[in-house]
Amino acid sequence: MADRVDPYRSFRFTVQVDQITQAGFSEVSGYDASIEVIEYREGNETTTARKLPGLTKYGNITLKWGVTDSMDMYKWMEDAVNGKIARKSVTITALDETGAEKAVWTVLNAWPCKYTAPDFKGLGNDIAIESLEIAHEGMTRKK
């Protein structure tokens, strides 16, 4: 009988963005892929259309982190706003309870398309969170 393997917890992960040395991220969301479906039917065929694969589309990924004195992610966005689009590889790694790599996704040709500064509220004790949305041209998974 095979050993039961528990799923990995969503809070154990790391994110690497090429040469950017950003501290920990609190959330990574939105990485998905879909293939557009094209329906096609010739005039002499039955009333059911054939379904053909179209373009592959990738959703934008959102990275969130607590505000620190690191400006690396903001500077990446600022460069993009100024017309200097720097495409980077982003690697998202799921870790097990011991910290060993268990699943690795690599996002290809990523560049920032939206930056959100934190909301500030004088009545709360929440952490100030920055977020960066990145567009990309594909992703792979190893492990």
Protein backbone atom coordinates (compact mmCIF):
# COMPACT_ATOMS: atom_id res chain seq x y z
CA MET A 1 0.00 0.00 0.00
CA ALA A 2 1.38 3.40 -0.99
CA ASP A 3 2.06 6.07 1.60
CA ARG A 4 -0.51 8.83 1.74
CA VAL A 5 0.84 12.18 0.53
CA ASP A 6 -0.74 15.27 2.04
CA PRO A 7 -1.16 18.38 -0.12
CA TYR A 8 1.28 21.22 0.46
CA ARG A 9 0.22 24.23 2.46
CA SER A 10 -0.38 27.46 0.56
CA PHE A 11 1.55 29.64 3.02
CA ARG A 12 4.93 27.93 2.45
CA PHE A 13 6.35 29.45 -0.71
CA THR A 14 9.13 31.60 -2.11
CA VAL A 15 9.18 34.02 -5.04
CA GLN A 16 12.29 34.97 -7.02
CA VAL A 17 12.30 37.73 -9.65
CA ASP A 18 15.61 37.56 -11.58
CA GLN A 19 18.07 39.88 -9.82
CA ILE A 20 15.51 41.55 -7.54
CA THR A 21 16.18 40.78 -3.90
CA GLN A 22 12.80 41.45 -2.33
CA ALA A 23 11.93 40.19 1.11
CA GLY A 24 9.06 37.74 1.63
CA PHE A 25 5.79 37.98 -0.21
CA SER A 26 2.49 37.56 1.61
CA GLU A 27 0.47 36.51 -1.44
CA VAL A 28 0.86 35.38 -5.04
CA SER A 29 -2.31 34.98 -7.06
CA GLY A 30 -3.69 34.81 -10.57
CA TYR A 31 -1.35 32.50 -12.40
CA ASP A 32 -3.48 30.57 -14.82
CA ALA A 33 -3.54 29.46 -18.43
CA SER A 34 -6.44 28.92 -20.80
CA ILE A 35 -6.85 28.00 -24.45
CA GLU A 36 -9.46 29.90 -26.42
CA VAL A 37 -12.03 27.63 -28.08
CA ILE A 38 -12.94 28.36 -31.71
CA GLU A 39 -16.18 26.86 -32.94
CA TYR A 40 -16.23 25.96 -36.63
CA ARG A 41 -18.85 24.36 -38.84
CA GLU A 42 -18.93 23.83 -42.58
CA GLY A 43 -22.26 24.16 -44.36
CA ASN A 44 -22.61 20.46 -45.16
CA GLU A 45 -21.89 19.24 -41.62
CA THR A 46 -24.29 18.36 -38.85
CA THR A 47 -25.65 21.07 -36.58
CA THR A 48 -22.88 20.48 -34.04
CA ALA A 49 -19.84 22.70 -34.45
CA ARG A 50 -16.31 21.37 -34.20
CA LYS A 51 -14.22 22.89 -31.46
CA LEU A 52 -10.69 23.89 -32.39
CA PRO A 53 -7.90 25.23 -30.17
CA GLY A 54 -7.17 28.94 -30.50
CA LEU A 55 -4.78 31.28 -28.74
CA THR A 56 -3.37 30.40 -25.36
CA LYS A 57 -3.89 33.15 -22.79
CA TYR A 58 -2.21 33.65 -19.44
CA GLY A 59 -3.72 35.60 -16.58
CA ASN A 60 -1.78 38.40 -14.91
CA ILE A 61 -0.09 37.51 -11.64
CA THR A 62 -0.41 39.68 -8.54
CA LEU A 63 2.39 39.80 -5.98
CA LYS A 64 1.71 41.29 -2.53
CA TRP A 65 4.18 42.13 0.22
CA GLY A 66 4.48 44.19 3.37
CA VAL A 67 6.05 47.62 2.89
CA THR A 68 9.76 47.72 3.76
CA ASP A 69 12.61 50.01 2.77
CA SER A 70 13.25 47.89 -0.37
CA MET A 71 12.41 49.81 -3.56
CA ASP A 72 13.32 47.06 -6.06
CA MET A 73 9.79 46.09 -7.10
CA TYR A 74 8.65 49.71 -7.28
CA LYS A 75 11.68 50.66 -9.41
CA TRP A 76 10.85 47.81 -11.81
CA MET A 77 7.39 49.37 -12.27
CA GLU A 78 8.78 52.92 -12.44
CA ASP A 79 11.14 51.86 -15.25
CA ALA A 80 8.18 50.36 -17.14
CA VAL A 81 6.18 53.58 -16.74
CA ASN A 82 9.16 55.44 -18.23
CA GLY A 83 9.20 53.14 -21.28
CA LYS A 84 11.97 50.79 -20.12
CA ILE A 85 10.14 47.47 -20.08
CA ALA A 86 12.43 44.91 -18.44
CA ARG A 87 11.14 41.38 -18.94
CA LYS A 88 12.13 39.02 -16.15
CA SER A 89 11.63 35.43 -15.10
CA VAL A 90 9.59 34.89 -11.96
CA THR A 91 9.92 31.62 -10.06
CA ILE A 92 7.30 30.54 -7.52
CA THR A 93 8.27 27.58 -5.35
CA ALA A 94 6.01 25.59 -3.02
CA LEU A 95 7.79 24.19 0.03
CA ASP A 96 6.98 21.27 2.29
CA GLU A 97 7.05 21.27 6.11
CA THR A 98 10.86 20.88 6.11
CA GLY A 99 11.45 23.73 3.63
CA ALA A 100 12.29 21.42 0.70
CA GLU A 101 11.16 22.40 -2.81
CA LYS A 102 8.12 20.42 -3.90
CA ALA A 103 6.61 22.29 -6.87
CA VAL A 104 8.18 25.02 -9.01
CA TRP A 105 6.45 27.32 -11.49
CA THR A 106 8.46 29.63 -13.74
CA VAL A 107 6.73 32.60 -15.36
CA LEU A 108 8.34 33.73 -18.61
CA ASN A 109 8.94 37.26 -19.94
CA ALA A 110 7.15 38.94 -17.04
CA TRP A 111 6.85 42.72 -16.80
CA PRO A 112 4.93 44.97 -14.40
CA CYS A 113 1.64 46.42 -15.61
CA LYS A 114 0.05 47.74 -12.39
CA TYR A 115 1.34 48.92 -9.03
CA THR A 116 -0.86 49.54 -6.00
CA ALA A 117 0.41 51.49 -2.99
CA PRO A 118 -0.87 50.54 0.47
CA ASP A 119 -3.97 51.96 2.09
CA PHE A 120 -3.29 53.75 5.36
CA LYS A 121 -5.80 53.84 8.22
CA GLY A 122 -5.13 55.51 11.54
CA LEU A 123 -7.57 53.29 13.45
CA GLY A 124 -6.22 49.87 12.62
CA ASN A 125 -3.14 47.78 13.23
CA ASP A 126 -2.92 46.09 9.82
CA ILE A 127 0.34 45.75 7.91
CA ALA A 128 0.79 48.17 4.98
CA ILE A 129 0.70 46.05 1.80
CA GLU A 130 2.07 46.94 -1.66
CA SER A 131 1.06 44.96 -4.73
CA LEU A 132 2.41 44.56 -8.23
CA GLU A 133 0.52 43.00 -11.11
CA ILE A 134 2.70 41.44 -13.79
CA ALA A 135 1.82 40.41 -17.33
CA HIS A 136 3.69 37.49 -18.86
CA GLU A 137 3.94 35.26 -21.93
CA GLY A 138 3.78 31.81 -20.44
CA MET A 139 4.56 29.56 -17.55
CA THR A 140 6.02 26.15 -16.93
CA ARG A 141 5.88 23.79 -13.99
CA LYS A 142 8.61 21.41 -12.95
CA LYS A 143 8.32 19.02 -10.04
